[in-house]
C-alpha atoms as a PDB file:
ATOM      1  CA  UNK A   1       6.670  -9.539  23.668  1.00  0.00           C
ATOM      2  CA  UNK A   2       3.353  -8.734  22.051  1.00  0.00           C
ATOM      3  CA  UNK A   3       2.434 -10.627  18.894  1.00  0.00           C
ATOM      4  CA  UNK A   4       1.791  -7.310  17.138  1.00  0.00           C
ATOM      5  CA  UNK A   5       4.633  -5.296  15.671  1.00  0.00           C
ATOM      6  CA  UNK A   6       2.517  -2.125  15.866  1.00  0.00           C
ATOM      7  CA  UNK A   7      -0.602  -1.474  17.953  1.00  0.00           C
ATOM      8  CA  UNK A   8      -2.715   1.593  17.165  1.00  0.00           C
ATOM      9  CA  UNK A   9      -5.667   2.451  19.376  1.00  0.00           C
ATOM     10  CA  UNK A  10      -8.206   5.254  18.851  1.00  0.00           C
ATOM     11  CA  UNK A  11      -5.581   7.381  17.096  1.00  0.00           C
ATOM     12  CA  UNK A  12      -6.737  10.941  16.475  1.00  0.00           C
ATOM     13  CA  UNK A  13      -5.159  13.977  14.893  1.00  0.00           C
ATOM     14  CA  UNK A  14      -6.777  17.387  14.419  1.00  0.00           C
ATOM     15  CA  UNK A  15      -4.863  20.160  12.698  1.00  0.00           C
ATOM     16  CA  UNK A  16      -5.692  23.564  14.125  1.00  0.00           C
ATOM     17  CA  UNK A  17      -7.539  25.968  11.858  1.00  0.00           C
ATOM     18  CA  UNK A  18      -7.143  29.666  11.298  1.00  0.00           C
ATOM     19  CA  UNK A  19      -9.122  32.552   9.837  1.00  0.00           C
ATOM     20  CA  UNK A  20      -8.639  31.239   6.302  1.00  0.00           C
ATOM     21  CA  UNK A  21      -9.268  27.529   6.853  1.00  0.00           C
ATOM     22  CA  UNK A  22     -11.184  25.529   9.471  1.00  0.00           C
ATOM     23  CA  UNK A  23      -9.637  22.883  11.701  1.00  0.00           C
ATOM     24  CA  UNK A  24      -9.110  19.561   9.939  1.00  0.00           C
ATOM     25  CA  UNK A  25      -9.642  16.195  11.592  1.00  0.00           C
ATOM     26  CA  UNK A  26      -7.096  14.046   9.747  1.00  0.00           C
ATOM     27  CA  UNK A  27      -7.511  10.889  11.866  1.00  0.00           C
ATOM     28  CA  UNK A  28     -10.816  10.053  13.571  1.00  0.00           C
ATOM     29  CA  UNK A  29     -10.152   7.295  16.089  1.00  0.00           C
ATOM     30  CA  UNK A  30      -8.216   4.781  13.980  1.00  0.00           C
ATOM     31  CA  UNK A  31      -7.435   1.391  15.586  1.00  0.00           C
ATOM     32  CA  UNK A  32      -5.626  -1.618  14.114  1.00  0.00           C
ATOM     33  CA  UNK A  33      -2.674  -3.960  14.696  1.00  0.00           C
ATOM     34  CA  UNK A  34       0.180  -4.859  12.365  1.00  0.00           C
ATOM     35  CA  UNK A  35       1.115  -8.531  12.937  1.00  0.00           C
ATOM     36  CA  UNK A  36       4.779  -9.364  13.341  1.00  0.00           C
ATOM     37  CA  UNK A  37       6.585 -10.722  10.297  1.00  0.00           C
ATOM     38  CA  UNK A  38       3.996  -9.703   7.702  1.00  0.00           C
ATOM     39  CA  UNK A  39       3.962  -7.339   4.754  1.00  0.00           C
ATOM     40  CA  UNK A  40       1.052  -5.099   5.761  1.00  0.00           C
ATOM     41  CA  UNK A  41      -0.630  -2.720   3.319  1.00  0.00           C
ATOM     42  CA  UNK A  42      -1.945   0.687   4.356  1.00  0.00           C
ATOM     43  CA  UNK A  43      -4.092   2.066   1.549  1.00  0.00           C
ATOM     44  CA  UNK A  44      -6.364   5.020   0.963  1.00  0.00           C
ATOM     45  CA  UNK A  45      -7.019   7.925  -1.422  1.00  0.00           C
ATOM     46  CA  UNK A  46      -4.920  11.074  -1.333  1.00  0.00           C
ATOM     47  CA  UNK A  47      -5.672  13.015   1.829  1.00  0.00           C
ATOM     48  CA  UNK A  48      -7.108   9.973   3.615  1.00  0.00           C
ATOM     49  CA  UNK A  49      -4.722  10.277   6.586  1.00  0.00           C
ATOM     50  CA  UNK A  50      -2.033   7.708   5.723  1.00  0.00           C
ATOM     51  CA  UNK A  51       0.906  10.113   5.774  1.00  0.00           C
ATOM     52  CA  UNK A  52      -0.327  11.699   9.011  1.00  0.00           C
ATOM     53  CA  UNK A  53      -0.400   8.262  10.627  1.00  0.00           C
ATOM     54  CA  UNK A  54       3.105   7.428   9.408  1.00  0.00           C
ATOM     55  CA  UNK A  55       4.441  10.806  10.533  1.00  0.00           C
ATOM     56  CA  UNK A  56       3.005  10.194  14.010  1.00  0.00           C
ATOM     57  CA  UNK A  57       4.832   6.844  14.165  1.00  0.00           C
ATOM     58  CA  UNK A  58       8.011   8.575  12.982  1.00  0.00           C
ATOM     59  CA  UNK A  59       7.734  11.233  15.687  1.00  0.00           C
ATOM     60  CA  UNK A  60       7.308  14.050  13.170  1.00  0.00           C
ATOM     61  CA  UNK A  61       3.684  14.852  14.048  1.00  0.00           C
ATOM     62  CA  UNK A  62       2.137  15.005  17.521  1.00  0.00           C
ATOM     63  CA  UNK A  63      -1.112  13.075  17.861  1.00  0.00           C
ATOM     64  CA  UNK A  64      -4.220  14.643  19.363  1.00  0.00           C
ATOM     65  CA  UNK A  65      -5.367  11.474  21.121  1.00  0.00           C
ATOM     66  CA  UNK A  66      -5.085   7.708  21.281  1.00  0.00           C
ATOM     67  CA  UNK A  67      -1.998   5.518  21.557  1.00  0.00           C
ATOM     68  CA  UNK A  68       0.667   3.963  19.344  1.00  0.00           C
ATOM     69  CA  UNK A  69       2.893   1.091  20.473  1.00  0.00           C
ATOM     70  CA  UNK A  70       5.879   0.110  18.326  1.00  0.00           C
ATOM     71  CA  UNK A  71       7.343  -3.322  19.142  1.00  0.00           C
ATOM     72  CA  UNK A  72       5.777  -3.019  22.596  1.00  0.00           C
ATOM     73  CA  UNK A  73       7.011   0.526  23.294  1.00  0.00           C
ATOM     74  CA  UNK A  74       4.629   3.482  23.665  1.00  0.00           C
ATOM     75  CA  UNK A  75       5.669   6.410  21.467  1.00  0.00           C
ATOM     76  CA  UNK A  76       4.975   8.861  24.324  1.00  0.00           C
ATOM     77  CA  UNK A  77       6.241   7.164  27.479  1.00  0.00           C
ATOM     78  CA  UNK A  78       9.036   5.163  25.803  1.00  0.00           C
ATOM     79  CA  UNK A  79       9.843   7.318  22.797  1.00  0.00           C
ATOM     80  CA  UNK A  80      13.507   6.307  22.494  1.00  0.00           C
ATOM     81  CA  UNK A  81      12.878   2.560  22.296  1.00  0.00           C
ATOM     82  CA  UNK A  82       9.869   3.053  20.024  1.00  0.00           C
ATOM     83  CA  UNK A  83      12.035   4.978  17.573  1.00  0.00           C
ATOM     84  CA  UNK A  84      14.843   2.402  17.741  1.00  0.00           C
ATOM     85  CA  UNK A  85      12.441  -0.307  16.603  1.00  0.00           C
ATOM     86  CA  UNK A  86      11.164   1.339  13.421  1.00  0.00           C
ATOM     87  CA  UNK A  87      12.725   2.547  10.195  1.00  0.00           C
ATOM     88  CA  UNK A  88      10.817   4.974   7.976  1.00  0.00           C
ATOM     89  CA  UNK A  89      11.389   5.339   4.226  1.00  0.00           C
ATOM     90  CA  UNK A  90       9.660   8.614   3.261  1.00  0.00           C
ATOM     91  CA  UNK A  91       8.148   9.521  -0.109  1.00  0.00           C
ATOM     92  CA  UNK A  92      10.647  12.345  -0.513  1.00  0.00           C
ATOM     93  CA  UNK A  93      14.293  11.598  -1.257  1.00  0.00           C
ATOM     94  CA  UNK A  94      16.016  13.134   1.762  1.00  0.00           C
ATOM     95  CA  UNK A  95      19.799  13.075   2.227  1.00  0.00           C
ATOM     96  CA  UNK A  96      22.756  15.370   1.593  1.00  0.00           C
ATOM     97  CA  UNK A  97      23.587  15.083  -2.134  1.00  0.00           C
ATOM     98  CA  UNK A  98      27.247  15.844  -1.472  1.00  0.00           C
ATOM     99  CA  UNK A  99      27.814  12.750   0.670  1.00  0.00           C
ATOM    100  CA  UNK A 100      28.630   9.367  -0.801  1.00  0.00           C
ATOM    101  CA  UNK A 101      26.275   6.445  -0.057  1.00  0.00           C
ATOM    102  CA  UNK A 102      28.816   5.086   2.419  1.00  0.00           C
ATOM    103  CA  UNK A 103      29.007   8.443   4.191  1.00  0.00           C
ATOM    104  CA  UNK A 104      25.193   8.730   4.265  1.00  0.00           C
ATOM    105  CA  UNK A 105      24.953   5.407   6.121  1.00  0.00           C
ATOM    106  CA  UNK A 106      27.902   6.153   8.420  1.00  0.00           C
ATOM    107  CA  UNK A 107      26.410   9.501   9.414  1.00  0.00           C
ATOM    108  CA  UNK A 108      23.021   7.907  10.056  1.00  0.00           C
ATOM    109  CA  UNK A 109      24.684   5.256  12.209  1.00  0.00           C
ATOM    110  CA  UNK A 110      26.382   7.999  14.201  1.00  0.00           C
ATOM    111  CA  UNK A 111      23.051   9.755  14.774  1.00  0.00           C
ATOM    112  CA  UNK A 112      21.742   6.539  16.343  1.00  0.00           C
ATOM    113  CA  UNK A 113      24.818   6.316  18.564  1.00  0.00           C
ATOM    114  CA  UNK A 114      26.125   3.165  16.887  1.00  0.00           C
ATOM    115  CA  UNK A 115      29.886   2.802  17.376  1.00  0.00           C
ATOM    116  CA  UNK A 116      31.992   2.557  14.215  1.00  0.00           C
ATOM    117  CA  UNK A 117      32.893  -1.040  14.996  1.00  0.00           C
ATOM    118  CA  UNK A 118      29.217  -2.041  15.023  1.00  0.00           C
ATOM    119  CA  UNK A 119      28.024  -0.124  11.960  1.00  0.00           C
ATOM    120  CA  UNK A 120      26.811  -2.183   8.995  1.00  0.00           C
ATOM    121  CA  UNK A 121      27.319   0.338   6.190  1.00  0.00           C
ATOM    122  CA  UNK A 122      29.188  -2.029   3.881  1.00  0.00           C
ATOM    123  CA  UNK A 123      26.723  -4.873   4.432  1.00  0.00           C
ATOM    124  CA  UNK A 124      23.746  -2.581   3.838  1.00  0.00           C
ATOM    125  CA  UNK A 125      25.221  -1.213   0.590  1.00  0.00           C
ATOM    126  CA  UNK A 126      25.650  -4.790  -0.581  1.00  0.00           C
ATOM    127  CA  UNK A 127      22.103  -5.702   0.514  1.00  0.00           C
ATOM    128  CA  UNK A 128      20.621  -2.864  -1.573  1.00  0.00           C
ATOM    129  CA  UNK A 129      23.054  -3.574  -4.437  1.00  0.00           C
ATOM    130  CA  UNK A 130      24.903  -0.270  -4.195  1.00  0.00           C
ATOM    131  CA  UNK A 131      28.353  -1.548  -3.214  1.00  0.00           C
ATOM    132  CA  UNK A 132      29.761  -0.395  -6.573  1.00  0.00           C
ATOM    133  CA  UNK A 133      28.449   3.133  -5.845  1.00  0.00           C
ATOM    134  CA  UNK A 134      30.076   3.271  -2.400  1.00  0.00           C
ATOM    135  CA  UNK A 135      32.162   6.352  -3.156  1.00  0.00           C
ATOM    136  CA  UNK A 136      29.946   8.116  -5.720  1.00  0.00           C
ATOM    137  CA  UNK A 137      28.223  11.325  -4.719  1.00  0.00           C
ATOM    138  CA  UNK A 138      24.604  10.591  -3.803  1.00  0.00           C
ATOM    139  CA  UNK A 139      23.433  13.304  -6.214  1.00  0.00           C
ATOM    140  CA  UNK A 140      24.781  11.262  -9.151  1.00  0.00           C
ATOM    141  CA  UNK A 141      22.631   8.209  -8.362  1.00  0.00           C
ATOM    142  CA  UNK A 142      19.595   7.312 -10.447  1.00  0.00           C
ATOM    143  CA  UNK A 143      16.106   7.582  -8.966  1.00  0.00           C
ATOM    144  CA  UNK A 144      15.958   3.858  -8.254  1.00  0.00           C
ATOM    145  CA  UNK A 145      19.376   3.878  -6.601  1.00  0.00           C
ATOM    146  CA  UNK A 146      18.333   6.776  -4.375  1.00  0.00           C
ATOM    147  CA  UNK A 147      15.243   4.833  -3.311  1.00  0.00           C
ATOM    148  CA  UNK A 148      17.392   1.842  -2.417  1.00  0.00           C
ATOM    149  CA  UNK A 149      19.776   4.073  -0.466  1.00  0.00           C
ATOM    150  CA  UNK A 150      16.806   5.404   1.523  1.00  0.00           C
ATOM    151  CA  UNK A 151      15.866   1.827   2.453  1.00  0.00           C
ATOM    152  CA  UNK A 152      19.449   1.142   3.576  1.00  0.00           C
ATOM    153  CA  UNK A 153      19.411   4.381   5.573  1.00  0.00           C
ATOM    154  CA  UNK A 154      16.197   3.329   7.332  1.00  0.00           C
ATOM    155  CA  UNK A 155      17.766  -0.041   8.251  1.00  0.00           C
ATOM    156  CA  UNK A 156      21.028   1.339   9.714  1.00  0.00           C
ATOM    157  CA  UNK A 157      19.918   0.656  13.305  1.00  0.00           C
ATOM    158  CA  UNK A 158      18.546  -2.820  12.441  1.00  0.00           C
ATOM    159  CA  UNK A 159      14.902  -2.084  13.295  1.00  0.00           C
ATOM    160  CA  UNK A 160      12.459  -5.025  13.215  1.00  0.00           C
ATOM    161  CA  UNK A 161       9.869  -2.813  11.450  1.00  0.00           C
ATOM    162  CA  UNK A 162      10.298  -1.031   8.111  1.00  0.00           C
ATOM    163  CA  UNK A 163       7.691   1.488   6.908  1.00  0.00           C
ATOM    164  CA  UNK A 164       7.692   2.326   3.188  1.00  0.00           C
ATOM    165  CA  UNK A 165       5.648   5.386   2.224  1.00  0.00           C
ATOM    166  CA  UNK A 166       4.909   5.250  -1.532  1.00  0.00           C
ATOM    167  CA  UNK A 167       8.386   3.845  -2.298  1.00  0.00           C
ATOM    168  CA  UNK A 168       7.712   3.225  -5.998  1.00  0.00           C
ATOM    169  CA  UNK A 169       6.097   6.573  -6.837  1.00  0.00           C
ATOM    170  CA  UNK A 170       7.600   7.806 -10.104  1.00  0.00           C
ATOM    171  CA  UNK A 171       9.764   4.710 -10.517  1.00  0.00           C
ATOM    172  CA  UNK A 172       9.691   2.668 -13.732  1.00  0.00           C
ATOM    173  CA  UNK A 173       8.492  -0.936 -13.887  1.00  0.00           C
ATOM    174  CA  UNK A 174      11.947  -2.531 -13.731  1.00  0.00           C
ATOM    175  CA  UNK A 175      13.014  -0.478 -10.722  1.00  0.00           C
ATOM    176  CA  UNK A 176       9.727  -1.271  -8.991  1.00  0.00           C
ATOM    177  CA  UNK A 177      10.466  -4.959  -9.442  1.00  0.00           C
ATOM    178  CA  UNK A 178      13.965  -4.523  -8.005  1.00  0.00           C
ATOM    179  CA  UNK A 179      12.622  -2.658  -4.982  1.00  0.00           C
ATOM    180  CA  UNK A 180      10.019  -5.316  -4.265  1.00  0.00           C
ATOM    181  CA  UNK A 181      12.608  -8.085  -4.610  1.00  0.00           C
ATOM    182  CA  UNK A 182      14.645  -6.256  -1.982  1.00  0.00           C
ATOM    183  CA  UNK A 183      11.641  -5.791   0.314  1.00  0.00           C
ATOM    184  CA  UNK A 184      10.755  -9.463  -0.087  1.00  0.00           C
ATOM    185  CA  UNK A 185      14.272 -10.481   0.944  1.00  0.00           C
ATOM    186  CA  UNK A 186      14.115  -8.280   4.042  1.00  0.00           C
ATOM    187  CA  UNK A 187      10.710  -9.662   4.994  1.00  0.00           C
ATOM    188  CA  UNK A 188      12.016 -13.219   4.534  1.00  0.00           C
ATOM    189  CA  UNK A 189      14.710 -12.348   7.080  1.00  0.00           C
ATOM    190  CA  UNK A 190      12.029 -11.422   9.617  1.00  0.00           C
ATOM    191  CA  UNK A 191      11.500  -7.699   9.066  1.00  0.00           C
ATOM    192  CA  UNK A 192       7.874  -6.571   9.405  1.00  0.00           C
ATOM    193  CA  UNK A 193       7.033  -4.287   6.464  1.00  0.00           C
ATOM    194  CA  UNK A 194       4.304  -1.635   6.378  1.00  0.00           C
ATOM    195  CA  UNK A 195       3.633  -0.398   2.862  1.00  0.00           C
ATOM    196  CA  UNK A 196       1.601   2.444   1.416  1.00  0.00           C
ATOM    197  CA  UNK A 197       1.154   2.446  -2.333  1.00  0.00           C
ATOM    198  CA  UNK A 198      -1.187   3.675  -5.063  1.00  0.00           C
ATOM    199  CA  UNK A 199      -0.372   0.609  -7.180  1.00  0.00           C
ATOM    200  CA  UNK A 200      -3.180  -1.659  -6.044  1.00  0.00           C
ATOM    201  CA  UNK A 201      -2.017  -4.662  -8.043  1.00  0.00           C
ATOM    202  CA  UNK A 202       1.272  -4.316  -6.165  1.00  0.00           C
ATOM    203  CA  UNK A 203      -0.475  -4.385  -2.789  1.00  0.00           C
ATOM    204  CA  UNK A 204      -2.553  -7.376  -3.847  1.00  0.00           C
ATOM    205  CA  UNK A 205       0.552  -9.307  -4.827  1.00  0.00           C
ATOM    206  CA  UNK A 206       2.775  -8.365  -1.873  1.00  0.00           C
ATOM    207  CA  UNK A 207       0.597  -7.815   1.195  1.00  0.00           C
ATOM    208  CA  UNK A 208      -0.804 -10.506   3.452  1.00  0.00           C
ATOM    209  CA  UNK A 209      -3.155  -8.081   5.177  1.00  0.00           C
ATOM    210  CA  UNK A 210      -4.472  -4.642   4.217  1.00  0.00           C
ATOM    211  CA  UNK A 211      -6.025  -1.753   6.113  1.00  0.00           C
ATOM    212  CA  UNK A 212      -7.872   0.942   4.147  1.00  0.00           C
ATOM    213  CA  UNK A 213      -8.286   4.468   5.493  1.00  0.00           C
ATOM    214  CA  UNK A 214     -10.696   6.994   3.989  1.00  0.00           C
ATOM    215  CA  UNK A 215     -11.459  10.500   5.318  1.00  0.00           C
ATOM    216  CA  UNK A 216      -9.452   9.713   8.457  1.00  0.00           C
ATOM    217  CA  UNK A 217     -11.434   6.580   9.322  1.00  0.00           C
ATOM    218  CA  UNK A 218     -10.548   2.901   9.108  1.00  0.00           C
ATOM    219  CA  UNK A 219     -13.022   1.356   6.664  1.00  0.00           C
ATOM    220  CA  UNK A 220     -11.437  -2.085   6.209  1.00  0.00           C
ATOM    221  CA  UNK A 221      -8.823  -4.282   7.888  1.00  0.00           C
ATOM    222  CA  UNK A 222      -8.772  -7.769   6.424  1.00  0.00           C
ATOM    223  CA  UNK A 223      -6.514 -10.312   4.809  1.00  0.00           C
ATOM    224  CA  UNK A 224      -5.906  -9.525   1.160  1.00  0.00           C
ATOM    225  CA  UNK A 225      -7.901 -12.587   0.106  1.00  0.00           C
ATOM    226  CA  UNK A 226     -10.887 -11.542   2.227  1.00  0.00           C
ATOM    227  CA  UNK A 227     -10.817  -8.052   0.715  1.00  0.00           C
ATOM    228  CA  UNK A 228     -10.753  -9.377  -2.826  1.00  0.00           C
ATOM    229  CA  UNK A 229     -13.626 -11.716  -2.001  1.00  0.00           C
ATOM    230  CA  UNK A 230     -15.693  -8.666  -0.990  1.00  0.00           C
ATOM    231  CA  UNK A 231     -16.081  -7.748  -4.642  1.00  0.00           C
ATOM    232  CA  UNK A 232     -19.132  -9.711  -5.673  1.00  0.00           C
ATOM    233  CA  UNK A 233     -19.354  -8.514  -9.259  1.00  0.00           C
ATOM    234  CA  UNK A 234     -17.899 -10.422 -12.182  1.00  0.00           C
ATOM    235  CA  UNK A 235     -17.530  -9.390 -15.795  1.00  0.00           C
ATOM    236  CA  UNK A 236     -18.036 -11.684 -18.768  1.00  0.00           C
ATOM    237  CA  UNK A 237     -17.193 -10.572 -22.313  1.00  0.00           C
ATOM    238  CA  UNK A 238     -18.936 -12.546 -25.051  1.00  0.00           C
ATOM    239  CA  UNK A 239     -18.213 -12.666 -28.797  1.00  0.00           C
ATOM    240  CA  UNK A 240     -21.397 -13.421 -30.730  1.00  0.00           C
ATOM    241  CA  UNK A 241     -22.208 -14.910 -34.139  1.00  0.00           C
ATOM    242  CA  UNK A 242     -24.009 -11.815 -35.442  1.00  0.00           C
ATOM    243  CA  UNK A 243     -24.207  -8.069 -34.938  1.00  0.00           C
ATOM    244  CA  UNK A 244     -25.900  -6.763 -31.825  1.00  0.00           C
ATOM    245  CA  UNK A 245     -28.938  -4.554 -32.222  1.00  0.00           C
ATOM    246  CA  UNK A 246     -28.158  -2.990 -28.841  1.00  0.00           C
ATOM    247  CA  UNK A 247     -27.280  -4.040 -25.284  1.00  0.00           C
ATOM    248  CA  UNK A 248     -29.094  -7.059 -23.905  1.00  0.00           C
ATOM    249  CA  UNK A 249     -30.511  -6.360 -20.456  1.00  0.00           C
ATOM    250  CA  UNK A 250     -31.808  -8.959 -18.038  1.00  0.00           C
ATOM    251  CA  UNK A 251     -32.778  -8.697 -14.383  1.00  0.00           C
ATOM    252  CA  UNK A 252     -29.735 -10.794 -13.463  1.00  0.00           C
ATOM    253  CA  UNK A 253     -27.357  -8.314 -15.144  1.00  0.00           C
ATOM    254  CA  UNK A 254     -25.975  -5.332 -13.241  1.00  0.00           C
ATOM    255  CA  UNK A 255     -24.815  -3.758 -16.483  1.00  0.00           C
ATOM    256  CA  UNK A 256     -24.610  -4.688 -20.182  1.00  0.00           C
ATOM    257  CA  UNK A 257     -22.490  -2.799 -22.687  1.00  0.00           C
ATOM    258  CA  UNK A 258     -21.870  -3.240 -26.423  1.00  0.00           C
ATOM    259  CA  UNK A 259     -18.077  -3.156 -26.866  1.00  0.00           C
ATOM    260  CA  UNK A 260     -18.041  -3.914 -30.595  1.00  0.00           C
ATOM    261  CA  UNK A 261     -20.613  -4.903 -33.204  1.00  0.00           C
ATOM    262  CA  UNK A 262     -20.508  -8.495 -32.019  1.00  0.00           C
ATOM    263  CA  UNK A 263     -19.010  -8.155 -28.545  1.00  0.00           C
ATOM    264  CA  UNK A 264     -21.148  -7.771 -25.420  1.00  0.00           C
ATOM    265  CA  UNK A 265     -19.771  -7.162 -21.923  1.00  0.00           C
ATOM    266  CA  UNK A 266     -22.035  -8.124 -19.030  1.00  0.00           C
ATOM    267  CA  UNK A 267     -21.481  -7.298 -15.360  1.00  0.00           C
ATOM    268  CA  UNK A 268     -23.377  -9.434 -12.880  1.00  0.00           C
ATOM    269  CA  UNK A 269     -23.411 -10.237  -9.180  1.00  0.00           C
ATOM    270  CA  UNK A 270     -22.012 -13.692  -8.628  1.00  0.00           C
ATOM    271  CA  UNK A 271     -24.346 -14.173  -5.641  1.00  0.00           C
ATOM    272  CA  UNK A 272     -27.341 -13.755  -7.943  1.00  0.00           C
ATOM    273  CA  UNK A 273     -26.237 -15.653 -11.057  1.00  0.00           C
ATOM    274  CA  UNK A 274     -23.537 -17.886 -12.508  1.00  0.00           C
ATOM    275  CA  UNK A 275     -21.560 -17.424 -15.705  1.00  0.00           C
ATOM    276  CA  UNK A 276     -23.518 -20.297 -17.237  1.00  0.00           C
ATOM    277  CA  UNK A 277     -26.834 -18.607 -16.492  1.00  0.00           C
ATOM    278  CA  UNK A 278     -25.581 -15.350 -18.018  1.00  0.00           C
ATOM    279  CA  UNK A 279     -24.604 -17.139 -21.240  1.00  0.00           C
ATOM    280  CA  UNK A 280     -27.951 -18.962 -21.359  1.00  0.00           C
ATOM    281  CA  UNK A 281     -29.830 -15.661 -21.056  1.00  0.00           C
ATOM    282  CA  UNK A 282     -27.837 -14.194 -23.938  1.00  0.00           C
ATOM    283  CA  UNK A 283     -28.583 -17.249 -26.102  1.00  0.00           C
ATOM    284  CA  UNK A 284     -32.294 -16.862 -25.353  1.00  0.00           C
ATOM    285  CA  UNK A 285     -32.115 -13.586 -27.289  1.00  0.00           C
ATOM    286  CA  UNK A 286     -31.181 -15.541 -30.421  1.00  0.00           C
ATOM    287  CA  UNK A 287     -27.400 -15.138 -30.383  1.00  0.00           C
ATOM    288  CA  UNK A 288     -24.829 -17.882 -30.781  1.00  0.00           C
ATOM    289  CA  UNK A 289     -21.722 -17.618 -28.589  1.00  0.00           C
ATOM    290  CA  UNK A 290     -18.348 -17.905 -30.318  1.00  0.00           C
ATOM    291  CA  UNK A 291     -15.960 -16.895 -27.528  1.00  0.00           C
ATOM    292  CA  UNK A 292     -16.096 -16.049 -23.810  1.00  0.00           C
ATOM    293  CA  UNK A 293     -13.655 -14.324 -21.455  1.00  0.00           C
ATOM    294  CA  UNK A 294     -14.244 -13.542 -17.782  1.00  0.00           C
ATOM    295  CA  UNK A 295     -12.531 -11.270 -15.321  1.00  0.00           C
ATOM    296  CA  UNK A 296     -12.416 -11.924 -11.587  1.00  0.00           C
ATOM    297  CA  UNK A 297     -12.720  -9.077  -9.133  1.00  0.00           C
ATOM    298  CA  UNK A 298      -9.437  -7.667  -7.862  1.00  0.00           C
ATOM    299  CA  UNK A 299      -8.312  -5.349  -5.089  1.00  0.00           C
ATOM    300  CA  UNK A 300      -8.883  -2.273  -7.241  1.00  0.00           C
ATOM    301  CA  UNK A 301     -12.576  -3.145  -7.566  1.00  0.00           C
ATOM    302  CA  UNK A 302     -12.869  -3.409  -3.781  1.00  0.00           C
ATOM    303  CA  UNK A 303     -10.920  -0.211  -3.191  1.00  0.00           C
ATOM    304  CA  UNK A 304     -13.201   1.760  -5.509  1.00  0.00           C
ATOM    305  CA  UNK A 305     -16.277   0.152  -3.970  1.00  0.00           C
ATOM    306  CA  UNK A 306     -15.215   1.000  -0.395  1.00  0.00           C
ATOM    307  CA  UNK A 307     -13.955   4.544  -1.015  1.00  0.00           C
ATOM    308  CA  UNK A 308     -16.607   5.704  -3.499  1.00  0.00           C
ATOM    309  CA  UNK A 309     -18.750   8.611  -2.227  1.00  0.00           C
ATOM    310  CA  UNK A 310     -22.144   7.535  -0.947  1.00  0.00           C
ATOM    311  CA  UNK A 311     -25.038   8.257  -3.298  1.00  0.00           C
ATOM    312  CA  UNK A 312     -26.428  11.703  -2.645  1.00  0.00           C
ATOM    313  CA  UNK A 313     -23.303  12.775  -0.742  1.00  0.00           C
END
């Protein structure tokens, strides 16, 4: 068995155009691996190609070129086994609202050809904490409960890979926490998780490795720590002993901004200066320093840096 849960090589997708709109190249030769057993982040702006990639893995969109292997099975030549080894949780809440959660899982098990004796509907309802809603109509569930039911539905056939496409979109903070607790438990049991999200702090906390797609191209594929380390700028906010006459600019500063009468915020490149040097430069302008706070770069800084339009574009 390959050490990669998913292998993607030179994946391309072009949507045909018409008289009103030109052809669109949604994926432009994307290649990366998803290691087994990890929580892997797939990030990118709206329209970057993430959903197209996931829909290709799910068998909902036909690729134009390249290859996708899921748990060692090619999605073209071994489609059945590829599909058996992946569970997809879509952005949209998709199931019959007139079925109960138990019936939703039983029907899904039947679609995968799982005999009644081998179905895990009760265990899955318990795993996603919906056992008390077993016989309620799905339409009566809250948004968070419906999301959890979708995860259970995706796991009916016990796939080793779970793909979550924006699972916390429109969900409040408490329900997000519950969903991530559930995902963490599944990952601890050996399930490989692929996650797309717009909540970058979430990806930074949960994912061991992250790939970033922009305009259909892979622009980064690194461990989360390596990505965060790519942001070389730091911000220091300084409270001073007297009013500022205006921003203090030095060659070592990338940016200096007056936040309040006596508060200056300086952005600097940590390869070019240290926090101590920044403070010393401020003091050379005749100010005493009363308080200092610093902010380290995070994944959001890197994401903006990597996906920002090139100057002049």
